[in-house]
């Protein structure tokens, strides 16, 4: 299962740009970094393939989404 995540340049992105740092001594730059928003994280969690409900209490996870919950979501009751 794969989630389609909107890029950070999209009007309503699922990722936020964090940036990268330059090492002042060597001039090397770290890899560009992005974090998922709650909507993006919910999309990824919807498509979880292997989740042991006896080990993970996913009912406590916060959710945020645009549109309807997909029928394959782990949050469907």
PDB file of N, CA and C in Angstrom:
ATOM      1  N   UNK A   1       0.858  -1.169   0.000  1.00  0.00           N
ATOM      2  CA  UNK A   1       0.000   0.000   0.000  1.00  0.00           C
ATOM      3  C   UNK A   1       0.904   1.232   0.000  1.00  0.00           C
ATOM      4  N   UNK A   2       0.608   2.167  -0.856  1.00  0.00           N
ATOM      5  CA  UNK A   2       1.362   3.409  -0.918  1.00  0.00           C
ATOM      6  C   UNK A   2       0.415   4.584  -0.746  1.00  0.00           C
ATOM      7  N   UNK A   3       0.894   5.634  -0.140  1.00  0.00           N
ATOM      8  CA  UNK A   3       0.104   6.857   0.011  1.00  0.00           C
ATOM      9  C   UNK A   3       0.597   7.877  -1.002  1.00  0.00           C
ATOM     10  N   UNK A   4      -0.310   8.611  -1.598  1.00  0.00           N
ATOM     11  CA  UNK A   4       0.056   9.699  -2.500  1.00  0.00           C
ATOM     12  C   UNK A   4       0.130  10.960  -1.647  1.00  0.00           C
ATOM     13  N   UNK A   5       1.350  11.443  -1.439  1.00  0.00           N
ATOM     14  CA  UNK A   5       1.552  12.623  -0.609  1.00  0.00           C
ATOM     15  C   UNK A   5       1.813  13.828  -1.495  1.00  0.00           C
ATOM     16  N   UNK A   6       1.112  14.924  -1.213  1.00  0.00           N
ATOM     17  CA  UNK A   6       1.308  16.160  -1.968  1.00  0.00           C
ATOM     18  C   UNK A   6       2.628  16.792  -1.564  1.00  0.00           C
ATOM     19  N   UNK A   7       3.372  17.281  -2.544  1.00  0.00           N
ATOM     20  CA  UNK A   7       4.669  17.887  -2.302  1.00  0.00           C
ATOM     21  C   UNK A   7       4.579  19.221  -1.575  1.00  0.00           C
ATOM     22  N   UNK A   8       5.711  19.667  -1.044  1.00  0.00           N
ATOM     23  CA  UNK A   8       5.731  20.895  -0.246  1.00  0.00           C
ATOM     24  C   UNK A   8       5.372  22.128  -1.052  1.00  0.00           C
ATOM     25  N   UNK A   9       5.458  22.057  -2.379  1.00  0.00           N
ATOM     26  CA  UNK A   9       5.110  23.203  -3.220  1.00  0.00           C
ATOM     27  C   UNK A   9       3.618  23.225  -3.565  1.00  0.00           C
ATOM     28  N   UNK A  10       2.887  22.190  -3.199  1.00  0.00           N
ATOM     29  CA  UNK A  10       1.447  22.089  -3.450  1.00  0.00           C
ATOM     30  C   UNK A  10       0.718  23.101  -2.570  1.00  0.00           C
ATOM     31  N   UNK A  11      -0.487  23.499  -2.975  1.00  0.00           N
ATOM     32  CA  UNK A  11      -1.261  24.484  -2.203  1.00  0.00           C
ATOM     33  C   UNK A  11      -1.568  23.985  -0.787  1.00  0.00           C
ATOM     34  N   UNK A  12      -1.837  22.696  -0.633  1.00  0.00           N
ATOM     35  CA  UNK A  12      -2.087  22.096   0.682  1.00  0.00           C
ATOM     36  C   UNK A  12      -1.130  20.921   0.845  1.00  0.00           C
ATOM     37  N   UNK A  13       0.131  21.174   1.213  1.00  0.00           N
ATOM     38  CA  UNK A  13       1.146  20.119   1.224  1.00  0.00           C
ATOM     39  C   UNK A  13       0.976  19.133   2.376  1.00  0.00           C
ATOM     40  N   UNK A  14       1.470  17.922   2.156  1.00  0.00           N
ATOM     41  CA  UNK A  14       1.531  16.902   3.200  1.00  0.00           C
ATOM     42  C   UNK A  14       2.926  16.864   3.826  1.00  0.00           C
ATOM     43  N   UNK A  15       3.829  17.680   3.308  1.00  0.00           N
ATOM     44  CA  UNK A  15       5.195  17.785   3.798  1.00  0.00           C
ATOM     45  C   UNK A  15       5.512  19.244   4.098  1.00  0.00           C
ATOM     46  N   UNK A  16       6.352  19.496   5.074  1.00  0.00           N
ATOM     47  CA  UNK A  16       6.869  20.847   5.320  1.00  0.00           C
ATOM     48  C   UNK A  16       8.380  20.814   5.190  1.00  0.00           C
ATOM     49  N   UNK A  17       8.926  21.859   4.627  1.00  0.00           N
ATOM     50  CA  UNK A  17      10.377  21.954   4.437  1.00  0.00           C
ATOM     51  C   UNK A  17      11.018  22.409   5.738  1.00  0.00           C
ATOM     52  N   UNK A  18      12.013  21.672   6.198  1.00  0.00           N
ATOM     53  CA  UNK A  18      12.724  22.016   7.419  1.00  0.00           C
ATOM     54  C   UNK A  18      14.019  22.748   7.085  1.00  0.00           C
ATOM     55  N   UNK A  19      14.707  22.294   6.049  1.00  0.00           N
ATOM     56  CA  UNK A  19      15.934  22.957   5.623  1.00  0.00           C
ATOM     57  C   UNK A  19      17.129  22.035   5.698  1.00  0.00           C
ATOM     58  N   UNK A  20      18.294  22.636   5.598  1.00  0.00           N
ATOM     59  CA  UNK A  20      19.546  21.905   5.737  1.00  0.00           C
ATOM     60  C   UNK A  20      20.567  22.846   6.356  1.00  0.00           C
ATOM     61  N   UNK A  21      21.586  22.269   6.946  1.00  0.00           N
ATOM     62  CA  UNK A  21      22.619  23.072   7.597  1.00  0.00           C
ATOM     63  C   UNK A  21      23.941  22.891   6.885  1.00  0.00           C
ATOM     64  N   UNK A  22      24.765  23.943   6.919  1.00  0.00           N
ATOM     65  CA  UNK A  22      26.092  23.884   6.333  1.00  0.00           C
ATOM     66  C   UNK A  22      27.103  23.814   7.465  1.00  0.00           C
ATOM     67  N   UNK A  23      28.036  22.863   7.358  1.00  0.00           N
ATOM     68  CA  UNK A  23      29.107  22.761   8.329  1.00  0.00           C
ATOM     69  C   UNK A  23      30.082  23.892   8.062  1.00  0.00           C
ATOM     70  N   UNK A  24      30.257  24.778   9.034  1.00  0.00           N
ATOM     71  CA  UNK A  24      31.102  25.964   8.851  1.00  0.00           C
ATOM     72  C   UNK A  24      32.564  25.606   8.608  1.00  0.00           C
ATOM     73  N   UNK A  25      33.037  24.523   9.178  1.00  0.00           N
ATOM     74  CA  UNK A  25      34.441  24.132   9.032  1.00  0.00           C
ATOM     75  C   UNK A  25      34.736  23.488   7.688  1.00  0.00           C
ATOM     76  N   UNK A  26      33.856  22.607   7.236  1.00  0.00           N
ATOM     77  CA  UNK A  26      34.125  21.863   6.007  1.00  0.00           C
ATOM     78  C   UNK A  26      33.370  22.387   4.799  1.00  0.00           C
ATOM     79  N   UNK A  27      32.315  23.150   5.035  1.00  0.00           N
ATOM     80  CA  UNK A  27      31.504  23.650   3.927  1.00  0.00           C
ATOM     81  C   UNK A  27      30.522  22.625   3.388  1.00  0.00           C
ATOM     82  N   UNK A  28      30.496  21.426   3.995  1.00  0.00           N
ATOM     83  CA  UNK A  28      29.574  20.400   3.507  1.00  0.00           C
ATOM     84  C   UNK A  28      28.157  20.718   3.965  1.00  0.00           C
ATOM     85  N   UNK A  29      27.212  20.294   3.162  1.00  0.00           N
ATOM     86  CA  UNK A  29      25.803  20.569   3.440  1.00  0.00           C
ATOM     87  C   UNK A  29      25.086  19.255   3.704  1.00  0.00           C
ATOM     88  N   UNK A  30      24.223  19.274   4.714  1.00  0.00           N
ATOM     89  CA  UNK A  30      23.411  18.092   5.018  1.00  0.00           C
ATOM     90  C   UNK A  30      22.303  17.956   3.983  1.00  0.00           C
ATOM     91  N   UNK A  31      21.736  16.773   3.910  1.00  0.00           N
ATOM     92  CA  UNK A  31      20.632  16.501   2.991  1.00  0.00           C
ATOM     93  C   UNK A  31      19.433  17.374   3.348  1.00  0.00           C
ATOM     94  N   UNK A  32      18.723  17.844   2.333  1.00  0.00           N
ATOM     95  CA  UNK A  32      17.508  18.614   2.557  1.00  0.00           C
ATOM     96  C   UNK A  32      16.538  17.778   3.391  1.00  0.00           C
ATOM     97  N   UNK A  33      15.865  18.402   4.338  1.00  0.00           N
ATOM     98  CA  UNK A  33      15.002  17.677   5.266  1.00  0.00           C
ATOM     99  C   UNK A  33      13.573  18.176   5.177  1.00  0.00           C
ATOM    100  N   UNK A  34      12.631  17.228   5.205  1.00  0.00           N
ATOM    101  CA  UNK A  34      11.204  17.522   5.183  1.00  0.00           C
ATOM    102  C   UNK A  34      10.528  16.709   6.282  1.00  0.00           C
ATOM    103  N   UNK A  35       9.473  17.237   6.861  1.00  0.00           N
ATOM    104  CA  UNK A  35       8.656  16.521   7.840  1.00  0.00           C
ATOM    105  C   UNK A  35       7.248  16.391   7.300  1.00  0.00           C
ATOM    106  N   UNK A  36       6.579  15.305   7.659  1.00  0.00           N
ATOM    107  CA  UNK A  36       5.185  15.152   7.248  1.00  0.00           C
ATOM    108  C   UNK A  36       4.282  15.960   8.173  1.00  0.00           C
ATOM    109  N   UNK A  37       3.218  16.506   7.606  1.00  0.00           N
ATOM    110  CA  UNK A  37       2.187  17.169   8.408  1.00  0.00           C
ATOM    111  C   UNK A  37       1.288  16.076   8.986  1.00  0.00           C
ATOM    112  N   UNK A  38       0.354  16.443   9.847  1.00  0.00           N
ATOM    113  CA  UNK A  38      -0.547  15.454  10.415  1.00  0.00           C
ATOM    114  C   UNK A  38      -1.400  14.796   9.327  1.00  0.00           C
ATOM    115  N   UNK A  39      -1.796  15.562   8.311  1.00  0.00           N
ATOM    116  CA  UNK A  39      -2.566  14.980   7.207  1.00  0.00           C
ATOM    117  C   UNK A  39      -1.726  13.953   6.453  1.00  0.00           C
ATOM    118  N   UNK A  40      -0.482  14.276   6.171  1.00  0.00           N
ATOM    119  CA  UNK A  40       0.408  13.324   5.497  1.00  0.00           C
ATOM    120  C   UNK A  40       0.652  12.089   6.340  1.00  0.00           C
ATOM    121  N   UNK A  41       0.854  12.278   7.631  1.00  0.00           N
ATOM    122  CA  UNK A  41       1.067  11.152   8.541  1.00  0.00           C
ATOM    123  C   UNK A  41      -0.167  10.258   8.602  1.00  0.00           C
ATOM    124  N   UNK A  42      -1.353  10.862   8.611  1.00  0.00           N
ATOM    125  CA  UNK A  42      -2.592  10.083   8.619  1.00  0.00           C
ATOM    126  C   UNK A  42      -2.695   9.249   7.347  1.00  0.00           C
ATOM    127  N   UNK A  43      -2.317   9.820   6.202  1.00  0.00           N
ATOM    128  CA  UNK A  43      -2.343   9.063   4.947  1.00  0.00           C
ATOM    129  C   UNK A  43      -1.419   7.852   5.037  1.00  0.00           C
ATOM    130  N   UNK A  44      -0.232   8.046   5.599  1.00  0.00           N
ATOM    131  CA  UNK A  44       0.702   6.932   5.736  1.00  0.00           C
ATOM    132  C   UNK A  44       0.168   5.874   6.693  1.00  0.00           C
ATOM    133  N   UNK A  45      -0.430   6.309   7.791  1.00  0.00           N
ATOM    134  CA  UNK A  45      -0.972   5.360   8.768  1.00  0.00           C
ATOM    135  C   UNK A  45      -2.189   4.623   8.231  1.00  0.00           C
ATOM    136  N   UNK A  46      -3.006   5.298   7.398  1.00  0.00           N
ATOM    137  CA  UNK A  46      -4.165   4.638   6.785  1.00  0.00           C
ATOM    138  C   UNK A  46      -3.745   3.372   6.065  1.00  0.00           C
ATOM    139  N   UNK A  47      -2.613   3.411   5.414  1.00  0.00           N
ATOM    140  CA  UNK A  47      -2.152   2.293   4.596  1.00  0.00           C
ATOM    141  C   UNK A  47      -1.216   1.336   5.304  1.00  0.00           C
ATOM    142  N   UNK A  48      -1.176   1.367   6.633  1.00  0.00           N
ATOM    143  CA  UNK A  48      -0.304   0.448   7.370  1.00  0.00           C
ATOM    144  C   UNK A  48      -0.660  -0.990   7.029  1.00  0.00           C
ATOM    145  N   UNK A  49       0.336  -1.756   6.630  1.00  0.00           N
ATOM    146  CA  UNK A  49       0.102  -3.144   6.234  1.00  0.00           C
ATOM    147  C   UNK A  49       0.202  -4.096   7.418  1.00  0.00           C
ATOM    148  N   UNK A  50       1.178  -3.895   8.283  1.00  0.00           N
ATOM    149  CA  UNK A  50       1.387  -4.788   9.409  1.00  0.00           C
ATOM    150  C   UNK A  50       1.326  -3.979  10.689  1.00  0.00           C
ATOM    151  N   UNK A  51       0.285  -4.185  11.452  1.00  0.00           N
ATOM    152  CA  UNK A  51       0.111  -3.456  12.702  1.00  0.00           C
ATOM    153  C   UNK A  51      -0.522  -4.397  13.708  1.00  0.00           C
ATOM    154  N   UNK A  52       0.188  -4.672  14.781  1.00  0.00           N
ATOM    155  CA  UNK A  52      -0.318  -5.575  15.815  1.00  0.00           C
ATOM    156  C   UNK A  52      -1.095  -4.757  16.838  1.00  0.00           C
ATOM    157  N   UNK A  53      -2.436  -4.818  16.824  1.00  0.00           N
ATOM    158  CA  UNK A  53      -3.225  -4.000  17.742  1.00  0.00           C
ATOM    159  C   UNK A  53      -3.030  -4.368  19.209  1.00  0.00           C
ATOM    160  N   UNK A  54      -2.432  -5.522  19.494  1.00  0.00           N
ATOM    161  CA  UNK A  54      -2.135  -5.860  20.888  1.00  0.00           C
ATOM    162  C   UNK A  54      -0.868  -5.174  21.375  1.00  0.00           C
ATOM    163  N   UNK A  55      -0.038  -4.728  20.438  1.00  0.00           N
ATOM    164  CA  UNK A  55       1.211  -4.057  20.805  1.00  0.00           C
ATOM    165  C   UNK A  55       1.139  -2.540  20.608  1.00  0.00           C
ATOM    166  N   UNK A  56       0.265  -2.093  19.709  1.00  0.00           N
ATOM    167  CA  UNK A  56       0.167  -0.669  19.381  1.00  0.00           C
ATOM    168  C   UNK A  56      -1.273  -0.215  19.574  1.00  0.00           C
ATOM    169  N   UNK A  57      -1.474   0.791  20.420  1.00  0.00           N
ATOM    170  CA  UNK A  57      -2.820   1.329  20.641  1.00  0.00           C
ATOM    171  C   UNK A  57      -3.049   2.482  19.665  1.00  0.00           C
ATOM    172  N   UNK A  58      -3.321   2.128  18.398  1.00  0.00           N
ATOM    173  CA  UNK A  58      -3.437   3.147  17.354  1.00  0.00           C
ATOM    174  C   UNK A  58      -4.711   3.962  17.470  1.00  0.00           C
ATOM    175  N   UNK A  59      -5.652   3.550  18.304  1.00  0.00           N
ATOM    176  CA  UNK A  59      -6.891   4.332  18.479  1.00  0.00           C
ATOM    177  C   UNK A  59      -6.602   5.677  19.139  1.00  0.00           C
ATOM    178  N   UNK A  60      -5.447   5.810  19.791  1.00  0.00           N
ATOM    179  CA  UNK A  60      -5.079   7.053  20.450  1.00  0.00           C
ATOM    180  C   UNK A  60      -4.352   8.017  19.513  1.00  0.00           C
ATOM    181  N   UNK A  61      -3.981   7.548  18.318  1.00  0.00           N
ATOM    182  CA  UNK A  61      -3.262   8.399  17.377  1.00  0.00           C
ATOM    183  C   UNK A  61      -4.170   9.509  16.870  1.00  0.00           C
ATOM    184  N   UNK A  62      -3.621  10.710  16.812  1.00  0.00           N
ATOM    185  CA  UNK A  62      -4.381  11.830  16.248  1.00  0.00           C
ATOM    186  C   UNK A  62      -4.508  11.637  14.745  1.00  0.00           C
ATOM    187  N   UNK A  63      -5.608  12.118  14.193  1.00  0.00           N
ATOM    188  CA  UNK A  63      -5.849  12.024  12.759  1.00  0.00           C
ATOM    189  C   UNK A  63      -6.302  13.378  12.228  1.00  0.00           C
ATOM    190  N   UNK A  64      -5.963  13.625  11.003  1.00  0.00           N
ATOM    191  CA  UNK A  64      -6.503  14.776  10.284  1.00  0.00           C
ATOM    192  C   UNK A  64      -6.495  14.399   8.818  1.00  0.00           C
ATOM    193  N   UNK A  65      -7.568  14.669   8.117  1.00  0.00           N
ATOM    194  CA  UNK A  65      -7.628  14.286   6.706  1.00  0.00           C
ATOM    195  C   UNK A  65      -8.505  15.244   5.924  1.00  0.00           C
ATOM    196  N   UNK A  66      -8.283  15.251   4.631  1.00  0.00           N
ATOM    197  CA  UNK A  66      -9.152  15.960   3.697  1.00  0.00           C
ATOM    198  C   UNK A  66      -9.955  14.882   2.971  1.00  0.00           C
ATOM    199  N   UNK A  67     -11.253  14.955   3.030  1.00  0.00           N
ATOM    200  CA  UNK A  67     -12.073  13.963   2.342  1.00  0.00           C
ATOM    201  C   UNK A  67     -12.412  12.783   3.237  1.00  0.00           C
ATOM    202  N   UNK A  68     -12.988  11.782   2.613  1.00  0.00           N
ATOM    203  CA  UNK A  68     -13.478  10.609   3.334  1.00  0.00           C
ATOM    204  C   UNK A  68     -12.332   9.675   3.731  1.00  0.00           C
ATOM    205  N   UNK A  69     -12.581   8.896   4.765  1.00  0.00           N
ATOM    206  CA  UNK A  69     -11.624   7.891   5.192  1.00  0.00           C
ATOM    207  C   UNK A  69     -11.654   6.740   4.188  1.00  0.00           C
ATOM    208  N   UNK A  70     -10.485   6.289   3.710  1.00  0.00           N
ATOM    209  CA  UNK A  70     -10.492   5.178   2.752  1.00  0.00           C
ATOM    210  C   UNK A  70     -10.939   3.881   3.430  1.00  0.00           C
ATOM    211  N   UNK A  71     -11.582   3.000   2.680  1.00  0.00           N
ATOM    212  CA  UNK A  71     -12.110   1.757   3.272  1.00  0.00           C
ATOM    213  C   UNK A  71     -11.020   0.822   3.820  1.00  0.00           C
ATOM    214  N   UNK A  72      -9.776   0.972   3.365  1.00  0.00           N
ATOM    215  CA  UNK A  72      -8.682   0.117   3.816  1.00  0.00           C
ATOM    216  C   UNK A  72      -7.964   0.682   5.051  1.00  0.00           C
ATOM    217  N   UNK A  73      -8.398   1.816   5.541  1.00  0.00           N
ATOM    218  CA  UNK A  73      -7.721   2.470   6.665  1.00  0.00           C
ATOM    219  C   UNK A  73      -7.769   1.610   7.924  1.00  0.00           C
ATOM    220  N   UNK A  74      -6.713   1.686   8.719  1.00  0.00           N
ATOM    221  CA  UNK A  74      -6.691   0.970   9.999  1.00  0.00           C
ATOM    222  C   UNK A  74      -7.675   1.584  10.977  1.00  0.00           C
ATOM    223  N   UNK A  75      -8.145   2.800  10.703  1.00  0.00           N
ATOM    224  CA  UNK A  75      -9.065   3.488  11.599  1.00  0.00           C
ATOM    225  C   UNK A  75     -10.537   3.162  11.328  1.00  0.00           C
ATOM    226  N   UNK A  76     -10.830   2.414  10.252  1.00  0.00           N
ATOM    227  CA  UNK A  76     -12.211   2.051   9.940  1.00  0.00           C
ATOM    228  C   UNK A  76     -12.723   1.119  11.033  1.00  0.00           C
ATOM    229  N   UNK A  77     -13.935   1.380  11.488  1.00  0.00           N
ATOM    230  CA  UNK A  77     -14.505   0.557  12.558  1.00  0.00           C
ATOM    231  C   UNK A  77     -15.349  -0.551  12.010  1.00  0.00           C
TER     232      UNK A  77
END
